[in-house]
PDB file of all heavy atoms in Angstrom:
ATOM      1  N   ASP A   1     162.861 147.708 268.184  1.00  0.00           N
ATOM      2  CA  ASP A   1     162.599 147.300 269.575  1.00  0.00           C
ATOM      3  C   ASP A   1     161.101 147.363 269.918  1.00  0.00           C
ATOM      4  O   ASP A   1     160.725 147.411 271.091  1.00  0.00           O
ATOM      5  CB  ASP A   1     163.408 148.184 270.538  1.00  0.00           C
ATOM      6  CG  ASP A   1     163.094 149.667 270.368  1.00  0.00           C
ATOM      7  OD1 ASP A   1     162.452 150.025 269.344  1.00  0.00           O
ATOM      8  OD2 ASP A   1     163.482 150.460 271.247  1.00  0.00           O
ATOM      9  N   ALA A   2     160.241 147.312 268.912  1.00  0.00           N
ATOM     10  CA  ALA A   2     158.792 147.372 269.160  1.00  0.00           C
ATOM     11  C   ALA A   2     158.307 146.094 269.827  1.00  0.00           C
ATOM     12  O   ALA A   2     158.851 145.004 269.604  1.00  0.00           O
ATOM     13  CB  ALA A   2     158.055 147.565 267.835  1.00  0.00           C
ATOM     14  N   THR A   3     157.283 146.245 270.648  1.00  0.00           N
ATOM     15  CA  THR A   3     156.696 145.084 271.330  1.00  0.00           C
ATOM     16  C   THR A   3     155.834 144.310 270.328  1.00  0.00           C
ATOM     17  O   THR A   3     155.517 144.799 269.244  1.00  0.00           O
ATOM     18  CB  THR A   3     155.817 145.537 272.512  1.00  0.00           C
ATOM     19  OG1 THR A   3     154.714 146.293 271.981  1.00  0.00           O
ATOM     20  CG2 THR A   3     156.607 146.388 273.503  1.00  0.00           C
ATOM     21  N   ASP A   4     155.442 143.104 270.735  1.00  0.00           N
ATOM     22  CA  ASP A   4     154.581 142.283 269.875  1.00  0.00           C
ATOM     23  C   ASP A   4     153.274 143.010 269.557  1.00  0.00           C
ATOM     24  O   ASP A   4     152.779 142.942 268.428  1.00  0.00           O
ATOM     25  CB  ASP A   4     154.287 140.928 270.534  1.00  0.00           C
ATOM     26  CG  ASP A   4     155.511 140.022 270.537  1.00  0.00           C
ATOM     27  OD1 ASP A   4     156.467 140.321 269.799  1.00  0.00           O
ATOM     28  OD2 ASP A   4     155.504 139.007 271.275  1.00  0.00           O
ATOM     29  N   ASP A   5     152.720 143.677 270.568  1.00  0.00           N
ATOM     30  CA  ASP A   5     151.463 144.419 270.355  1.00  0.00           C
ATOM     31  C   ASP A   5     151.655 145.551 269.348  1.00  0.00           C
ATOM     32  O   ASP A   5     150.788 145.781 268.488  1.00  0.00           O
ATOM     33  CB  ASP A   5     150.946 144.998 271.683  1.00  0.00           C
ATOM     34  CG  ASP A   5     150.346 143.933 272.580  1.00  0.00           C
ATOM     35  OD1 ASP A   5     150.078 142.826 272.076  1.00  0.00           O
ATOM     36  OD2 ASP A   5     150.151 144.209 273.781  1.00  0.00           O
ATOM     37  N   GLU A   6     152.778 146.247 269.446  1.00  0.00           N
ATOM     38  CA  GLU A   6     153.051 147.345 268.521  1.00  0.00           C
ATOM     39  C   GLU A   6     153.258 146.830 267.095  1.00  0.00           C
ATOM     40  O   GLU A   6     152.812 147.449 266.135  1.00  0.00           O
ATOM     41  CB  GLU A   6     154.284 148.132 268.987  1.00  0.00           C
ATOM     42  CG  GLU A   6     154.031 148.968 270.223  1.00  0.00           C
ATOM     43  CD  GLU A   6     155.297 149.579 270.801  1.00  0.00           C
ATOM     44  OE1 GLU A   6     156.395 149.015 270.574  1.00  0.00           O
ATOM     45  OE2 GLU A   6     155.179 150.625 271.470  1.00  0.00           O
ATOM     46  N   ILE A   7     153.924 145.687 266.981  1.00  0.00           N
ATOM     47  CA  ILE A   7     154.136 145.080 265.662  1.00  0.00           C
ATOM     48  C   ILE A   7     152.802 144.663 265.059  1.00  0.00           C
ATOM     49  O   ILE A   7     152.522 144.914 263.881  1.00  0.00           O
ATOM     50  CB  ILE A   7     155.096 143.869 265.764  1.00  0.00           C
ATOM     51  CG1 ILE A   7     156.515 144.352 266.103  1.00  0.00           C
ATOM     52  CG2 ILE A   7     155.099 143.053 264.473  1.00  0.00           C
ATOM     53  CD1 ILE A   7     157.490 143.255 266.442  1.00  0.00           C
ATOM     54  N   GLU A   8     151.956 144.049 265.886  1.00  0.00           N
ATOM     55  CA  GLU A   8     150.636 143.616 265.419  1.00  0.00           C
ATOM     56  C   GLU A   8     149.799 144.815 264.987  1.00  0.00           C
ATOM     57  O   GLU A   8     149.121 144.778 263.956  1.00  0.00           O
ATOM     58  CB  GLU A   8     149.937 142.845 266.546  1.00  0.00           C
ATOM     59  CG  GLU A   8     148.718 142.087 266.100  1.00  0.00           C
ATOM     60  CD  GLU A   8     148.125 141.238 267.218  1.00  0.00           C
ATOM     61  OE1 GLU A   8     148.880 140.611 267.975  1.00  0.00           O
ATOM     62  OE2 GLU A   8     146.886 141.235 267.323  1.00  0.00           O
ATOM     63  N   GLU A   9     149.873 145.880 265.767  1.00  0.00           N
ATOM     64  CA  GLU A   9     149.131 147.099 265.440  1.00  0.00           C
ATOM     65  C   GLU A   9     149.632 147.710 264.127  1.00  0.00           C
ATOM     66  O   GLU A   9     148.858 148.146 263.282  1.00  0.00           O
ATOM     67  CB  GLU A   9     149.287 148.107 266.587  1.00  0.00           C
ATOM     68  CG  GLU A   9     148.423 149.348 266.433  1.00  0.00           C
ATOM     69  CD  GLU A   9     148.588 150.302 267.615  1.00  0.00           C
ATOM     70  OE1 GLU A   9     148.785 149.835 268.752  1.00  0.00           O
ATOM     71  OE2 GLU A   9     148.515 151.521 267.368  1.00  0.00           O
ATOM     72  N   ALA A  10     150.964 147.715 263.943  1.00  0.00           N
ATOM     73  CA  ALA A  10     151.557 148.263 262.720  1.00  0.00           C
ATOM     74  C   ALA A  10     151.156 147.427 261.509  1.00  0.00           C
ATOM     75  O   ALA A  10     150.884 147.968 260.431  1.00  0.00           O
ATOM     76  CB  ALA A  10     153.075 148.313 262.849  1.00  0.00           C
ATOM     77  N   GLU A  11     151.103 146.103 261.671  1.00  0.00           N
ATOM     78  CA  GLU A  11     150.704 145.226 260.569  1.00  0.00           C
ATOM     79  C   GLU A  11     149.240 145.463 260.183  1.00  0.00           C
ATOM     80  O   GLU A  11     148.897 145.487 258.998  1.00  0.00           O
ATOM     81  CB  GLU A  11     150.935 143.760 260.940  1.00  0.00           C
ATOM     82  CG  GLU A  11     152.408 143.360 260.932  1.00  0.00           C
ATOM     83  CD  GLU A  11     152.629 141.944 261.469  1.00  0.00           C
ATOM     84  OE1 GLU A  11     151.658 141.330 261.982  1.00  0.00           O
ATOM     85  OE2 GLU A  11     153.776 141.461 261.377  1.00  0.00           O
ATOM     86  N   ALA A  12     148.393 145.639 261.210  1.00  0.00           N
ATOM     87  CA  ALA A  12     146.974 145.915 260.939  1.00  0.00           C
ATOM     88  C   ALA A  12     146.817 147.262 260.236  1.00  0.00           C
ATOM     89  O   ALA A  12     146.014 147.407 259.309  1.00  0.00           O
ATOM     90  CB  ALA A  12     146.185 145.906 262.244  1.00  0.00           C
ATOM     91  N   GLU A  13     147.621 148.231 260.650  1.00  0.00           N
ATOM     92  CA  GLU A  13     147.571 149.562 260.031  1.00  0.00           C
ATOM     93  C   GLU A  13     148.002 149.486 258.566  1.00  0.00           C
ATOM     94  O   GLU A  13     147.393 150.089 257.691  1.00  0.00           O
ATOM     95  CB  GLU A  13     148.504 150.509 260.804  1.00  0.00           C
ATOM     96  CG  GLU A  13     148.310 151.973 260.461  1.00  0.00           C
ATOM     97  CD  GLU A  13     149.199 152.878 261.315  1.00  0.00           C
ATOM     98  OE1 GLU A  13     149.636 152.456 262.399  1.00  0.00           O
ATOM     99  OE2 GLU A  13     149.451 154.007 260.852  1.00  0.00           O
ATOM    100  N   ARG A  14     149.051 148.678 258.302  1.00  0.00           N
ATOM    101  CA  ARG A  14     149.520 148.518 256.911  1.00  0.00           C
ATOM    102  C   ARG A  14     148.463 147.806 256.070  1.00  0.00           C
ATOM    103  O   ARG A  14     148.230 148.161 254.922  1.00  0.00           O
ATOM    104  CB  ARG A  14     150.842 147.748 256.868  1.00  0.00           C
ATOM    105  CG  ARG A  14     151.296 147.539 255.436  1.00  0.00           C
ATOM    106  CD  ARG A  14     152.649 146.879 255.319  1.00  0.00           C
ATOM    107  NE  ARG A  14     152.890 146.382 253.987  1.00  0.00           N
ATOM    108  CZ  ARG A  14     153.127 147.119 252.920  1.00  0.00           C
ATOM    109  NH1 ARG A  14     153.127 148.437 253.006  1.00  0.00           N
ATOM    110  NH2 ARG A  14     153.346 146.567 251.734  1.00  0.00           N
ATOM    111  N   ASP A  15     147.818 146.781 256.643  1.00  0.00           N
ATOM    112  CA  ASP A  15     146.761 146.069 255.917  1.00  0.00           C
ATOM    113  C   ASP A  15     145.626 147.018 255.536  1.00  0.00           C
ATOM    114  O   ASP A  15     145.113 146.973 254.418  1.00  0.00           O
ATOM    115  CB  ASP A  15     146.214 144.901 256.749  1.00  0.00           C
ATOM    116  CG  ASP A  15     147.209 143.753 256.864  1.00  0.00           C
ATOM    117  OD1 ASP A  15     148.178 143.727 256.085  1.00  0.00           O
ATOM    118  OD2 ASP A  15     147.013 142.881 257.740  1.00  0.00           O
ATOM    119  N   ASN A  16     145.238 147.871 256.482  1.00  0.00           N
ATOM    120  CA  ASN A  16     144.179 148.854 256.208  1.00  0.00           C
ATOM    121  C   ASN A  16     144.614 149.835 255.125  1.00  0.00           C
ATOM    122  O   ASN A  16     143.839 150.175 254.237  1.00  0.00           O
ATOM    123  CB  ASN A  16     143.813 149.629 257.483  1.00  0.00           C
ATOM    124  CG  ASN A  16     143.039 148.783 258.465  1.00  0.00           C
ATOM    125  OD1 ASN A  16     142.419 147.796 258.096  1.00  0.00           O
ATOM    126  ND2 ASN A  16     143.085 149.152 259.738  1.00  0.00           N
ATOM    127  N   TRP A  17     145.884 150.292 255.216  1.00  0.00           N
ATOM    128  CA  TRP A  17     146.410 151.210 254.203  1.00  0.00           C
ATOM    129  C   TRP A  17     146.380 150.552 252.826  1.00  0.00           C
ATOM    130  O   TRP A  17     145.959 151.159 251.848  1.00  0.00           O
ATOM    131  CB  TRP A  17     147.851 151.599 254.547  1.00  0.00           C
ATOM    132  CG  TRP A  17     148.544 152.203 253.360  1.00  0.00           C
ATOM    133  CD1 TRP A  17     148.416 153.476 252.892  1.00  0.00           C
ATOM    134  CD2 TRP A  17     149.420 151.537 252.448  1.00  0.00           C
ATOM    135  NE1 TRP A  17     149.166 153.639 251.749  1.00  0.00           N
ATOM    136  CE2 TRP A  17     149.795 152.464 251.460  1.00  0.00           C
ATOM    137  CE3 TRP A  17     149.931 150.236 252.377  1.00  0.00           C
ATOM    138  CZ2 TRP A  17     150.658 152.144 250.415  1.00  0.00           C
ATOM    139  CZ3 TRP A  17     150.790 149.911 251.338  1.00  0.00           C
ATOM    140  CH2 TRP A  17     151.143 150.860 250.372  1.00  0.00           C
ATOM    141  N   LEU A  18     146.815 149.278 252.777  1.00  0.00           N
ATOM    142  CA  LEU A  18     146.897 148.576 251.504  1.00  0.00           C
ATOM    143  C   LEU A  18     145.523 148.437 250.864  1.00  0.00           C
ATOM    144  O   LEU A  18     145.357 148.677 249.666  1.00  0.00           O
ATOM    145  CB  LEU A  18     147.531 147.198 251.728  1.00  0.00           C
ATOM    146  CG  LEU A  18     148.023 146.444 250.509  1.00  0.00           C
ATOM    147  CD1 LEU A  18     148.959 147.293 249.666  1.00  0.00           C
ATOM    148  CD2 LEU A  18     148.693 145.145 250.923  1.00  0.00           C
ATOM    149  N   GLU A  19     144.518 148.097 251.661  1.00  0.00           N
ATOM    150  CA  GLU A  19     143.149 147.979 251.135  1.00  0.00           C
ATOM    151  C   GLU A  19     142.648 149.315 250.602  1.00  0.00           C
ATOM    152  O   GLU A  19     142.074 149.394 249.523  1.00  0.00           O
ATOM    153  CB  GLU A  19     142.200 147.453 252.226  1.00  0.00           C
ATOM    154  CG  GLU A  19     142.283 145.970 252.466  1.00  0.00           C
ATOM    155  CD  GLU A  19     142.110 145.144 251.196  1.00  0.00           C
ATOM    156  OE1 GLU A  19     141.122 145.350 250.463  1.00  0.00           O
ATOM    157  OE2 GLU A  19     142.994 144.312 250.907  1.00  0.00           O
ATOM    158  N   GLN A  20     142.882 150.366 251.381  1.00  0.00           N
ATOM    159  CA  GLN A  20     142.430 151.704 250.966  1.00  0.00           C
ATOM    160  C   GLN A  20     143.154 152.158 249.698  1.00  0.00           C
ATOM    161  O   GLN A  20     142.536 152.698 248.779  1.00  0.00           O
ATOM    162  CB  GLN A  20     142.677 152.704 252.102  1.00  0.00           C
ATOM    163  CG  GLN A  20     142.138 154.082 251.824  1.00  0.00           C
ATOM    164  CD  GLN A  20     142.443 155.064 252.944  1.00  0.00           C
ATOM    165  OE1 GLN A  20     142.955 154.692 254.000  1.00  0.00           O
ATOM    166  NE2 GLN A  20     142.123 156.324 252.716  1.00  0.00           N
ATOM    167  N   ALA A  21     144.467 151.899 249.631  1.00  0.00           N
ATOM    168  CA  ALA A  21     145.256 152.302 248.466  1.00  0.00           C
ATOM    169  C   ALA A  21     144.795 151.548 247.219  1.00  0.00           C
ATOM    170  O   ALA A  21     144.670 152.131 246.138  1.00  0.00           O
ATOM    171  CB  ALA A  21     146.740 152.050 248.734  1.00  0.00           C
ATOM    172  N   LYS A  22     144.533 150.259 247.365  1.00  0.00           N
ATOM    173  CA  LYS A  22     144.057 149.458 246.232  1.00  0.00           C
ATOM    174  C   LYS A  22     142.708 149.980 245.742  1.00  0.00           C
ATOM    175  O   LYS A  22     142.473 150.091 244.534  1.00  0.00           O
ATOM    176  CB  LYS A  22     143.915 147.987 246.643  1.00  0.00           C
ATOM    177  CG  LYS A  22     145.228 147.241 246.774  1.00  0.00           C
ATOM    178  CD  LYS A  22     144.949 145.801 247.209  1.00  0.00           C
ATOM    179  CE  LYS A  22     146.212 144.996 247.343  1.00  0.00           C
ATOM    180  NZ  LYS A  22     145.953 143.595 247.736  1.00  0.00           N
ATOM    181  N   GLU A  23     141.812 150.305 246.675  1.00  0.00           N
ATOM    182  CA  GLU A  23     140.493 150.837 246.303  1.00  0.00           C
ATOM    183  C   GLU A  23     140.631 152.148 245.531  1.00  0.00           C
ATOM    184  O   GLU A  23     139.916 152.377 244.548  1.00  0.00           O
ATOM    185  CB  GLU A  23     139.639 151.045 247.555  1.00  0.00           C
ATOM    186  CG  GLU A  23     139.055 149.759 248.121  1.00  0.00           C
ATOM    187  CD  GLU A  23     138.315 149.985 249.432  1.00  0.00           C
ATOM    188  OE1 GLU A  23     137.911 151.139 249.699  1.00  0.00           O
ATOM    189  OE2 GLU A  23     138.148 149.013 250.183  1.00  0.00           O
ATOM    190  N   GLU A  24     141.540 153.011 245.982  1.00  0.00           N
ATOM    191  CA  GLU A  24     141.763 154.299 245.299  1.00  0.00           C
ATOM    192  C   GLU A  24     142.199 154.069 243.852  1.00  0.00           C
ATOM    193  O   GLU A  24     141.699 154.712 242.927  1.00  0.00           O
ATOM    194  CB  GLU A  24     142.835 155.120 246.027  1.00  0.00           C
ATOM    195  CG  GLU A  24     142.407 155.671 247.364  1.00  0.00           C
ATOM    196  CD  GLU A  24     141.451 156.842 247.238  1.00  0.00           C
ATOM    197  OE1 GLU A  24     141.376 157.462 246.166  1.00  0.00           O
ATOM    198  OE2 GLU A  24     140.775 157.135 248.237  1.00  0.00           O
ATOM    199  N   LEU A  25     143.125 153.117 243.664  1.00  0.00           N
ATOM    200  CA  LEU A  25     143.655 152.872 242.330  1.00  0.00           C
ATOM    201  C   LEU A  25     142.606 152.230 241.426  1.00  0.00           C
ATOM    202  O   LEU A  25     142.404 152.663 240.289  1.00  0.00           O
ATOM    203  CB  LEU A  25     144.900 151.980 242.424  1.00  0.00           C
ATOM    204  CG  LEU A  25     145.586 151.640 241.102  1.00  0.00           C
ATOM    205  CD1 LEU A  25     145.845 152.889 240.266  1.00  0.00           C
ATOM    206  CD2 LEU A  25     146.876 150.892 241.354  1.00  0.00           C
ATOM    207  N   VAL A  26     141.912 151.221 241.935  1.00  0.00           N
ATOM    208  CA  VAL A  26     140.873 150.560 241.131  1.00  0.00           C
ATOM    209  C   VAL A  26     139.783 151.558 240.751  1.00  0.00           C
ATOM    210  O   VAL A  26     139.329 151.594 239.608  1.00  0.00           O
ATOM    211  CB  VAL A  26     140.277 149.352 241.879  1.00  0.00           C
ATOM    212  CG1 VAL A  26     139.015 148.842 241.201  1.00  0.00           C
ATOM    213  CG2 VAL A  26     141.301 148.230 241.973  1.00  0.00           C
ATOM    214  N   SER A  27     139.372 152.392 241.705  1.00  0.00           N
ATOM    215  CA  SER A  27     138.342 153.385 241.434  1.00  0.00           C
ATOM    216  C   SER A  27     138.802 154.349 240.335  1.00  0.00           C
ATOM    217  O   SER A  27     138.046 154.685 239.421  1.00  0.00           O
ATOM    218  CB  SER A  27     138.030 154.149 242.719  1.00  0.00           C
ATOM    219  OG  SER A  27     137.132 155.185 242.475  1.00  0.00           O
ATOM    220  N   ALA A  28     140.067 154.781 240.393  1.00  0.00           N
ATOM    221  CA  ALA A  28     140.590 155.708 239.392  1.00  0.00           C
ATOM    222  C   ALA A  28     140.646 155.055 238.010  1.00  0.00           C
ATOM    223  O   ALA A  28     140.334 155.688 237.008  1.00  0.00           O
ATOM    224  CB  ALA A  28     141.982 156.189 239.805  1.00  0.00           C
ATOM    225  N   VAL A  29     141.032 153.782 237.953  1.00  0.00           N
ATOM    226  CA  VAL A  29     141.122 153.066 236.668  1.00  0.00           C
ATOM    227  C   VAL A  29     139.736 152.895 236.063  1.00  0.00           C
ATOM    228  O   VAL A  29     139.544 153.057 234.863  1.00  0.00           O
ATOM    229  CB  VAL A  29     141.829 151.704 236.839  1.00  0.00           C
ATOM    230  CG1 VAL A  29     141.700 150.865 235.586  1.00  0.00           C
ATOM    231  CG2 VAL A  29     143.294 151.906 237.179  1.00  0.00           C
ATOM    232  N   TYR A  30     138.739 152.585 236.907  1.00  0.00           N
ATOM    233  CA  TYR A  30     137.388 152.359 236.390  1.00  0.00           C
ATOM    234  C   TYR A  30     136.632 153.670 236.145  1.00  0.00           C
ATOM    235  O   TYR A  30     135.550 153.644 235.584  1.00  0.00           O
ATOM    236  CB  TYR A  30     136.599 151.431 237.314  1.00  0.00           C
ATOM    237  CG  TYR A  30     136.888 149.976 237.012  1.00  0.00           C
ATOM    238  CD1 TYR A  30     137.892 149.297 237.667  1.00  0.00           C
ATOM    239  CD2 TYR A  30     136.157 149.289 236.042  1.00  0.00           C
ATOM    240  CE1 TYR A  30     138.175 147.970 237.376  1.00  0.00           C
ATOM    241  CE2 TYR A  30     136.422 147.961 235.741  1.00  0.00           C
ATOM    242  CZ  TYR A  30     137.429 147.311 236.416  1.00  0.00           C
ATOM    243  OH  TYR A  30     137.716 145.999 236.101  1.00  0.00           O
ATOM    244  N   ASP A  31     137.201 154.811 236.549  1.00  0.00           N
ATOM    245  CA  ASP A  31     136.580 156.105 236.248  1.00  0.00           C
ATOM    246  C   ASP A  31     136.751 156.497 234.783  1.00  0.00           C
ATOM    247  O   ASP A  31     136.043 157.346 234.267  1.00  0.00           O
ATOM    248  CB  ASP A  31     137.178 157.209 237.125  1.00  0.00           C
ATOM    249  CG  ASP A  31     136.499 157.291 238.481  1.00  0.00           C
ATOM    250  OD1 ASP A  31     135.448 156.643 238.651  1.00  0.00           O
ATOM    251  OD2 ASP A  31     137.022 157.991 239.367  1.00  0.00           O
ATOM    252  N   VAL A  32     137.738 155.870 234.125  1.00  0.00           N
ATOM    253  CA  VAL A  32     138.011 156.213 232.716  1.00  0.00           C
ATOM    254  C   VAL A  32     136.833 155.769 231.840  1.00  0.00           C
ATOM    255  O   VAL A  32     136.356 154.657 231.952  1.00  0.00           O
ATOM    256  CB  VAL A  32     139.305 155.535 232.234  1.00  0.00           C
ATOM    257  CG1 VAL A  32     139.558 155.860 230.771  1.00  0.00           C
ATOM    258  CG2 VAL A  32     140.484 155.961 233.091  1.00  0.00           C
ATOM    259  N   GLU A  33     136.360 156.680 230.997  1.00  0.00           N
ATOM    260  CA  GLU A  33     135.255 156.382 230.083  1.00  0.00           C
ATOM    261  C   GLU A  33     135.662 156.690 228.655  1.00  0.00           C
ATOM    262  O   GLU A  33     136.399 157.643 228.412  1.00  0.00           O
ATOM    263  CB  GLU A  33     134.018 157.219 230.461  1.00  0.00           C
ATOM    264  CG  GLU A  33     133.448 156.874 231.817  1.00  0.00           C
ATOM    265  CD  GLU A  33     132.276 157.747 232.194  1.00  0.00           C
ATOM    266  OE1 GLU A  33     131.893 158.622 231.391  1.00  0.00           O
ATOM    267  OE2 GLU A  33     131.733 157.566 233.298  1.00  0.00           O
ATOM    268  N   LEU A  34     135.189 155.878 227.732  1.00  0.00           N
ATOM    269  CA  LEU A  34     135.508 156.075 226.317  1.00  0.00           C
ATOM    270  C   LEU A  34     134.541 157.001 225.629  1.00  0.00           C
ATOM    271  O   LEU A  34     134.843 157.602 224.605  1.00  0.00           O
ATOM    272  CB  LEU A  34     135.530 154.734 225.578  1.00  0.00           C
ATOM    273  CG  LEU A  34     136.584 153.715 226.012  1.00  0.00           C
ATOM    274  CD1 LEU A  34     136.504 152.484 225.139  1.00  0.00           C
ATOM    275  CD2 LEU A  34     137.970 154.328 225.941  1.00  0.00           C
ATOM    276  N   TYR A  35     133.308 157.121 226.153  1.00  0.00           N
ATOM    277  CA  TYR A  35     132.277 157.896 225.452  1.00  0.00           C
ATOM    278  C   TYR A  35     131.767 159.016 226.316  1.00  0.00           C
ATOM    279  O   TYR A  35     131.842 158.973 227.499  1.00  0.00           O
ATOM    280  CB  TYR A  35     131.114 156.994 225.042  1.00  0.00           C
ATOM    281  CG  TYR A  35     131.565 155.855 224.160  1.00  0.00           C
ATOM    282  CD1 TYR A  35     131.799 154.592 224.683  1.00  0.00           C
ATOM    283  CD2 TYR A  35     131.792 156.061 222.802  1.00  0.00           C
ATOM    284  CE1 TYR A  35     132.229 153.553 223.861  1.00  0.00           C
ATOM    285  CE2 TYR A  35     132.224 155.035 221.985  1.00  0.00           C
ATOM    286  CZ  TYR A  35     132.453 153.786 222.525  1.00  0.00           C
ATOM    287  OH  TYR A  35     132.896 152.764 221.717  1.00  0.00           O
TER     288      TYR A  35
END
């Protein structure tokens, strides 16, 4: 029963979470060193 504004806010929050989560994972993968 969320309003349009609440849905829009939740979508923006998820987009921000997704970007941050992707950055965390990419950073962790590129931290690996062979030497």
